[in-house]
C-alpha atoms as a PDB file:
ATOM      1  CA  MET A   1     -26.776 -54.812 -13.197  1.00  0.00           C
ATOM      2  CA  GLN A   2     -24.955 -54.926  -9.646  1.00  0.00           C
ATOM      3  CA  ARG A   3     -26.910 -54.461  -6.730  1.00  0.00           C
ATOM      4  CA  ILE A   4     -26.694 -52.675  -3.515  1.00  0.00           C
ATOM      5  CA  PRO A   5     -28.296 -53.076   0.026  1.00  0.00           C
ATOM      6  CA  GLY A   6     -31.889 -51.679  -0.644  1.00  0.00           C
ATOM      7  CA  GLY A   7     -32.127 -52.432  -3.888  1.00  0.00           C
ATOM      8  CA  ARG A   8     -29.994 -49.787  -5.248  1.00  0.00           C
ATOM      9  CA  SER A   9     -28.048 -49.861  -8.074  1.00  0.00           C
ATOM     10  CA  THR A  10     -24.553 -48.435  -8.236  1.00  0.00           C
ATOM     11  CA  ALA A  11     -25.329 -46.369 -11.515  1.00  0.00           C
ATOM     12  CA  LEU A  12     -28.248 -44.889  -8.974  1.00  0.00           C
ATOM     13  CA  SER A  13     -25.022 -43.871  -6.528  1.00  0.00           C
ATOM     14  CA  ARG A  14     -22.734 -43.017  -9.376  1.00  0.00           C
ATOM     15  CA  LEU A  15     -25.401 -40.196 -11.012  1.00  0.00           C
ATOM     16  CA  GLN A  16     -26.117 -38.996  -7.069  1.00  0.00           C
ATOM     17  CA  ALA A  17     -22.420 -38.631  -7.198  1.00  0.00           C
ATOM     18  CA  GLY A  18     -22.412 -36.749 -10.235  1.00  0.00           C
ATOM     19  CA  VAL A  19     -24.822 -34.104  -9.114  1.00  0.00           C
ATOM     20  CA  LEU A  20     -22.941 -33.674  -5.663  1.00  0.00           C
ATOM     21  CA  ALA A  21     -19.828 -33.135  -7.610  1.00  0.00           C
ATOM     22  CA  SER A  22     -21.346 -30.736  -9.870  1.00  0.00           C
ATOM     23  CA  THR A  23     -23.456 -29.057  -7.388  1.00  0.00           C
ATOM     24  CA  LEU A  24     -19.979 -28.595  -5.353  1.00  0.00           C
ATOM     25  CA  ALA A  25     -18.242 -26.981  -8.752  1.00  0.00           C
ATOM     26  CA  ALA A  26     -21.429 -24.830  -9.014  1.00  0.00           C
ATOM     27  CA  GLY A  27     -20.763 -23.278  -5.956  1.00  0.00           C
ATOM     28  CA  LEU A  28     -17.071 -22.500  -6.420  1.00  0.00           C
ATOM     29  CA  VAL A  29     -17.416 -20.826  -9.057  1.00  0.00           C
ATOM     30  CA  GLY A  30     -19.624 -18.233  -7.271  1.00  0.00           C
ATOM     31  CA  ALA A  31     -17.040 -18.265  -4.445  1.00  0.00           C
ATOM     32  CA  PRO A  32     -14.692 -15.000  -4.130  1.00  0.00           C
ATOM     33  CA  ALA A  33     -11.586 -15.941  -5.446  1.00  0.00           C
ATOM     34  CA  PHE A  34      -8.030 -14.796  -3.607  1.00  0.00           C
ATOM     35  CA  ALA A  35      -6.563 -11.628  -5.588  1.00  0.00           C
ATOM     36  CA  ALA A  36      -3.278 -12.471  -6.356  1.00  0.00           C
ATOM     37  CA  ASP A  37      -0.487  -9.953  -6.046  1.00  0.00           C
ATOM     38  CA  LEU A  38       1.038  -7.890  -8.516  1.00  0.00           C
ATOM     39  CA  ASP A  39       4.089  -7.061 -10.276  1.00  0.00           C
ATOM     40  CA  VAL A  40       5.219  -3.823 -10.677  1.00  0.00           C
ATOM     41  CA  ALA A  41       8.460  -3.033 -12.040  1.00  0.00           C
ATOM     42  CA  GLY A  42       9.929  -6.440 -11.264  1.00  0.00           C
ATOM     43  CA  ARG A  43       8.612  -6.016  -7.531  1.00  0.00           C
ATOM     44  CA  ARG A  44       5.922  -7.981  -5.838  1.00  0.00           C
ATOM     45  CA  VAL A  45       3.010  -5.762  -4.142  1.00  0.00           C
ATOM     46  CA  PRO A  46       1.117  -7.588  -2.679  1.00  0.00           C
ATOM     47  CA  GLU A  47      -2.731  -7.095  -3.061  1.00  0.00           C
ATOM     48  CA  GLN A  48      -3.917  -6.826   0.526  1.00  0.00           C
ATOM     49  CA  LEU A  49      -1.464  -6.890   3.890  1.00  0.00           C
ATOM     50  CA  SER A  50      -1.654  -6.400   7.523  1.00  0.00           C
ATOM     51  CA  ALA A  51      -1.175  -3.098   9.694  1.00  0.00           C
ATOM     52  CA  GLY A  52      -1.118  -4.114  13.526  1.00  0.00           C
ATOM     53  CA  SER A  53      -5.164  -5.143  13.762  1.00  0.00           C
ATOM     54  CA  HIS A  54      -6.360  -4.100  10.546  1.00  0.00           C
ATOM     55  CA  ALA A  55      -6.403  -5.290   7.083  1.00  0.00           C
ATOM     56  CA  LEU A  56      -5.398  -3.021   4.083  1.00  0.00           C
ATOM     57  CA  VAL A  57      -5.971  -3.057   0.439  1.00  0.00           C
ATOM     58  CA  LEU A  58      -4.265  -2.375  -2.226  1.00  0.00           C
ATOM     59  CA  ASN A  59      -5.372   1.191  -3.465  1.00  0.00           C
ATOM     60  CA  GLY A  60      -2.968   1.597  -6.417  1.00  0.00           C
ATOM     61  CA  ALA A  61       0.449   1.394  -7.131  1.00  0.00           C
ATOM     62  CA  GLY A  62       3.229   2.740  -9.573  1.00  0.00           C
ATOM     63  CA  VAL A  63       6.934   4.225 -10.013  1.00  0.00           C
ATOM     64  CA  ARG A  64       8.644   7.220  -9.275  1.00  0.00           C
ATOM     65  CA  THR A  65      10.972   7.831 -11.942  1.00  0.00           C
ATOM     66  CA  LYS A  66      13.428  10.975 -11.947  1.00  0.00           C
ATOM     67  CA  ILE A  67      14.498  12.155 -15.144  1.00  0.00           C
ATOM     68  CA  VAL A  68      14.673   8.395 -16.930  1.00  0.00           C
ATOM     69  CA  VAL A  69      15.778   6.674 -13.757  1.00  0.00           C
ATOM     70  CA  LYS A  70      13.537   4.239 -12.081  1.00  0.00           C
ATOM     71  CA  VAL A  71      13.523   4.944  -8.174  1.00  0.00           C
ATOM     72  CA  TYR A  72      11.184   3.046  -6.032  1.00  0.00           C
ATOM     73  CA  VAL A  73       7.648   0.839  -6.534  1.00  0.00           C
ATOM     74  CA  ALA A  74       5.017   3.369  -4.389  1.00  0.00           C
ATOM     75  CA  SER A  75       1.870   1.462  -3.048  1.00  0.00           C
ATOM     76  CA  LEU A  76      -0.568   2.664  -1.235  1.00  0.00           C
ATOM     77  CA  TYR A  77      -2.804   0.460   1.128  1.00  0.00           C
ATOM     78  CA  VAL A  78      -5.910   1.449   2.785  1.00  0.00           C
ATOM     79  CA  THR A  79      -8.904  -0.359   4.787  1.00  0.00           C
ATOM     80  CA  THR A  80     -11.125   1.110   2.227  1.00  0.00           C
ATOM     81  CA  LYS A  81     -10.742   1.755  -1.734  1.00  0.00           C
ATOM     82  CA  SER A  82     -10.903   5.410  -2.959  1.00  0.00           C
ATOM     83  CA  HIS A  83     -10.130   7.002  -6.175  1.00  0.00           C
ATOM     84  CA  ASP A  84     -10.632  10.396  -4.544  1.00  0.00           C
ATOM     85  CA  ALA A  85      -7.257  12.055  -2.895  1.00  0.00           C
ATOM     86  CA  ALA A  86      -8.583  14.830  -0.639  1.00  0.00           C
ATOM     87  CA  ALA A  87     -10.314  11.724   1.463  1.00  0.00           C
ATOM     88  CA  LEU A  88      -7.906   9.351   1.454  1.00  0.00           C
ATOM     89  CA  ILE A  89      -5.403  12.417   2.897  1.00  0.00           C
ATOM     90  CA  ASN A  90      -8.054  13.788   5.403  1.00  0.00           C
ATOM     91  CA  SER A  91      -9.139   9.871   6.336  1.00  0.00           C
ATOM     92  CA  THR A  92      -8.779   8.796   9.942  1.00  0.00           C
ATOM     93  CA  GLU A  93      -8.652   5.233   9.172  1.00  0.00           C
ATOM     94  CA  PRO A  94      -5.073   3.395   8.576  1.00  0.00           C
ATOM     95  CA  ARG A  95      -3.443   4.152   5.643  1.00  0.00           C
ATOM     96  CA  ARG A  96       0.107   2.810   4.275  1.00  0.00           C
ATOM     97  CA  ILE A  97       2.517   3.818   1.338  1.00  0.00           C
ATOM     98  CA  ARG A  98       5.140   1.929   0.778  1.00  0.00           C
ATOM     99  CA  LEU A  99       8.484   2.311  -0.332  1.00  0.00           C
ATOM    100  CA  GLN A 100      10.465  -0.739  -2.630  1.00  0.00           C
ATOM    101  CA  LEU A 101      13.969   0.460  -3.607  1.00  0.00           C
ATOM    102  CA  LEU A 102      14.810   0.297  -7.545  1.00  0.00           C
ATOM    103  CA  ARG A 103      18.531   1.477  -6.686  1.00  0.00           C
ATOM    104  CA  ASP A 104      20.916   2.666  -4.125  1.00  0.00           C
ATOM    105  CA  VAL A 105      19.520   5.422  -2.889  1.00  0.00           C
ATOM    106  CA  ASP A 106      21.177   7.892   0.206  1.00  0.00           C
ATOM    107  CA  SER A 107      18.628   8.644   2.375  1.00  0.00           C
ATOM    108  CA  LYS A 108      18.847  12.087   3.352  1.00  0.00           C
ATOM    109  CA  SER A 109      18.812  12.433  -0.745  1.00  0.00           C
ATOM    110  CA  LEU A 110      14.975  10.706   0.115  1.00  0.00           C
ATOM    111  CA  ASP A 111      14.424  13.107   2.681  1.00  0.00           C
ATOM    112  CA  GLU A 112      15.171  16.161   0.982  1.00  0.00           C
ATOM    113  CA  ALA A 113      12.667  14.891  -1.703  1.00  0.00           C
ATOM    114  CA  LEU A 114      10.339  14.742   0.879  1.00  0.00           C
ATOM    115  CA  GLN A 115      11.254  18.124   2.633  1.00  0.00           C
ATOM    116  CA  GLU A 116      10.878  19.320  -1.421  1.00  0.00           C
ATOM    117  CA  GLY A 117       7.282  17.604  -1.535  1.00  0.00           C
ATOM    118  CA  LEU A 118       6.297  18.951   1.855  1.00  0.00           C
ATOM    119  CA  ARG A 119       7.367  22.954   0.385  1.00  0.00           C
ATOM    120  CA  ASP A 120       5.521  22.337  -2.588  1.00  0.00           C
ATOM    121  CA  ASN A 121       1.952  21.364  -1.325  1.00  0.00           C
ATOM    122  CA  THR A 122       1.876  23.208   2.628  1.00  0.00           C
ATOM    123  CA  PRO A 123       1.255  26.799   2.722  1.00  0.00           C
ATOM    124  CA  LYS A 124       4.319  28.857   3.719  1.00  0.00           C
ATOM    125  CA  ALA A 125       2.422  29.248   7.136  1.00  0.00           C
ATOM    126  CA  GLU A 126       1.929  26.085   8.034  1.00  0.00           C
ATOM    127  CA  LEU A 127       4.637  24.512   7.264  1.00  0.00           C
ATOM    128  CA  ALA A 128       6.834  26.878   9.364  1.00  0.00           C
ATOM    129  CA  ALA A 129       4.898  25.703  12.166  1.00  0.00           C
ATOM    130  CA  MET A 130       5.765  22.068  11.379  1.00  0.00           C
ATOM    131  CA  LYS A 131       9.377  22.414  12.074  1.00  0.00           C
ATOM    132  CA  ALA A 132       9.714  20.267  14.734  1.00  0.00           C
ATOM    133  CA  PRO A 133       8.008  17.321  12.437  1.00  0.00           C
ATOM    134  CA  ALA A 134      10.099  17.846  10.278  1.00  0.00           C
ATOM    135  CA  ASP A 135      12.753  17.675  11.691  1.00  0.00           C
ATOM    136  CA  GLN A 136      12.067  14.670  12.798  1.00  0.00           C
ATOM    137  CA  LEU A 137      11.124  12.905   9.622  1.00  0.00           C
ATOM    138  CA  ALA A 138      14.907  14.288   8.854  1.00  0.00           C
ATOM    139  CA  GLY A 139      15.715  12.798  11.924  1.00  0.00           C
ATOM    140  CA  MET A 140      14.069   9.095  10.952  1.00  0.00           C
ATOM    141  CA  MET A 141      15.923   9.423   7.713  1.00  0.00           C
ATOM    142  CA  ALA A 142      19.346   9.679   8.897  1.00  0.00           C
ATOM    143  CA  ASP A 143      18.695   6.662  11.258  1.00  0.00           C
ATOM    144  CA  ILE A 144      17.981   4.431   8.118  1.00  0.00           C
ATOM    145  CA  GLY A 145      21.022   5.446   6.170  1.00  0.00           C
ATOM    146  CA  ALA A 146      21.807   4.333   3.021  1.00  0.00           C
ATOM    147  CA  LEU A 147      18.921   2.857   1.372  1.00  0.00           C
ATOM    148  CA  LYS A 148      20.076  -0.513  -1.071  1.00  0.00           C
ATOM    149  CA  GLU A 149      18.431  -1.800  -4.180  1.00  0.00           C
ATOM    150  CA  GLY A 150      15.253  -3.885  -2.876  1.00  0.00           C
ATOM    151  CA  ASP A 151      14.599  -1.809   0.235  1.00  0.00           C
ATOM    152  CA  VAL A 152      11.628  -1.480   1.994  1.00  0.00           C
ATOM    153  CA  VAL A 153       9.907   1.921   3.603  1.00  0.00           C
ATOM    154  CA  ASP A 154       6.722   2.058   4.998  1.00  0.00           C
ATOM    155  CA  LEU A 155       4.895   5.222   6.199  1.00  0.00           C
ATOM    156  CA  ASP A 156       1.572   4.569   8.252  1.00  0.00           C
ATOM    157  CA  PHE A 157      -0.268   6.374   8.869  1.00  0.00           C
ATOM    158  CA  ASP A 158      -3.366   6.763  11.295  1.00  0.00           C
ATOM    159  CA  ALA A 159      -5.434   9.532  12.774  1.00  0.00           C
ATOM    160  CA  ARG A 160      -2.603  11.262  15.268  1.00  0.00           C
ATOM    161  CA  GLY A 161       0.261  11.074  12.923  1.00  0.00           C
ATOM    162  CA  VAL A 162       2.820   8.629  10.674  1.00  0.00           C
ATOM    163  CA  THR A 163       4.992   5.754  11.809  1.00  0.00           C
ATOM    164  CA  GLY A 164       8.191   4.908   9.340  1.00  0.00           C
ATOM    165  CA  SER A 165       9.684   1.674   9.403  1.00  0.00           C
ATOM    166  CA  HIS A 166      12.738   0.161   7.089  1.00  0.00           C
ATOM    167  CA  ASN A 167      12.627  -3.505   6.426  1.00  0.00           C
ATOM    168  CA  GLY A 168       9.951  -3.941   9.103  1.00  0.00           C
ATOM    169  CA  LYS A 169      12.153  -2.091  11.871  1.00  0.00           C
ATOM    170  CA  GLN A 170      10.147   0.462  12.775  1.00  0.00           C
ATOM    171  CA  ARG A 171      12.318   3.584  13.175  1.00  0.00           C
ATOM    172  CA  GLY A 172      10.221   6.093  14.055  1.00  0.00           C
ATOM    173  CA  ARG A 173       6.596   8.300  15.327  1.00  0.00           C
ATOM    174  CA  ILE A 174       5.486  11.732  14.560  1.00  0.00           C
ATOM    175  CA  ASP A 175       2.589  12.609  16.675  1.00  0.00           C
ATOM    176  CA  SER A 176       1.186  15.012  14.528  1.00  0.00           C
ATOM    177  CA  PRO A 177      -2.072  14.654  12.510  1.00  0.00           C
ATOM    178  CA  ASP A 178      -1.490  17.725  10.545  1.00  0.00           C
ATOM    179  CA  PHE A 179       2.082  16.461   9.310  1.00  0.00           C
ATOM    180  CA  ALA A 180       0.984  13.207   8.562  1.00  0.00           C
ATOM    181  CA  ARG A 181      -1.869  14.799   5.860  1.00  0.00           C
ATOM    182  CA  ALA A 182       0.809  16.993   4.405  1.00  0.00           C
ATOM    183  CA  LEU A 183       3.445  13.972   4.383  1.00  0.00           C
ATOM    184  CA  LEU A 184       0.635  12.004   2.050  1.00  0.00           C
ATOM    185  CA  ARG A 185       0.019  15.258   0.175  1.00  0.00           C
ATOM    186  CA  VAL A 186       3.656  14.564  -1.522  1.00  0.00           C
ATOM    187  CA  TRP A 187       2.035  11.846  -3.554  1.00  0.00           C
ATOM    188  CA  LEU A 188      -1.566  12.486  -3.160  1.00  0.00           C
ATOM    189  CA  GLY A 189      -1.367  16.353  -3.274  1.00  0.00           C
ATOM    190  CA  GLU A 190      -1.993  19.616  -5.821  1.00  0.00           C
ATOM    191  CA  LYS A 191       1.517  19.323  -6.961  1.00  0.00           C
ATOM    192  CA  PRO A 192       2.256  15.774  -6.502  1.00  0.00           C
ATOM    193  CA  ALA A 193       5.938  14.476  -6.616  1.00  0.00           C
ATOM    194  CA  GLN A 194       4.904  13.120  -9.779  1.00  0.00           C
ATOM    195  CA  ALA A 195       1.201  13.436 -11.800  1.00  0.00           C
ATOM    196  CA  SER A 196       1.368   9.846 -12.883  1.00  0.00           C
ATOM    197  CA  LEU A 197       2.499   7.888  -9.656  1.00  0.00           C
ATOM    198  CA  LYS A 198      -0.562   9.915  -8.301  1.00  0.00           C
ATOM    199  CA  LYS A 199      -3.019   8.577 -10.636  1.00  0.00           C
ATOM    200  CA  ALA A 200      -1.494   5.194 -10.109  1.00  0.00           C
ATOM    201  CA  LEU A 201      -2.129   5.329  -6.694  1.00  0.00           C
ATOM    202  CA  LEU A 202      -5.437   6.406  -6.417  1.00  0.00           C
ATOM    203  CA  GLY A 203      -6.281   3.467  -8.618  1.00  0.00           C
ATOM    204  CA  ASN A 204      -6.933   5.478 -12.098  1.00  0.00           C
END
């Protein structure tokens, strides 16, 4: 058997190396793995993203379907996952609704759908008081113009209101906490745009 200085054998060195490798491997087994992105209707849905300085995690994602036509993939990002729609609507933490278009859509049609969702989930008196921010939303959608398949619309909610972006470019800001909550109810309210989509966004 070959000897190394100090009388230790190479066999012993190999044994020590093997123990070290096994220990490292065991440690890696218990280490947290990076979550893989999801594929929803052919669109990549990240498990994590950032909104400003805030790290957000995917709460849930699903497909908005109109009759039999797939319109967009919607995903909800939050700081802490929750299955409670009311808690998510009323939270003051950053949240993001991301819409990934599955077909060409006139932004006016998208705005009309959002305005319908607002009417369905907001008492008339409250809705009347929200005319100015609702008009701002319509202006934001008009500024975007035609939406193409593959486009991404982000709605970022915080304690003060909501910011809209199109393909990474900010298109407008609505400073109204009440309106921000009302807009979230389009997807998470008692009369959501699509019940199955609400369930998916809540991670159920």
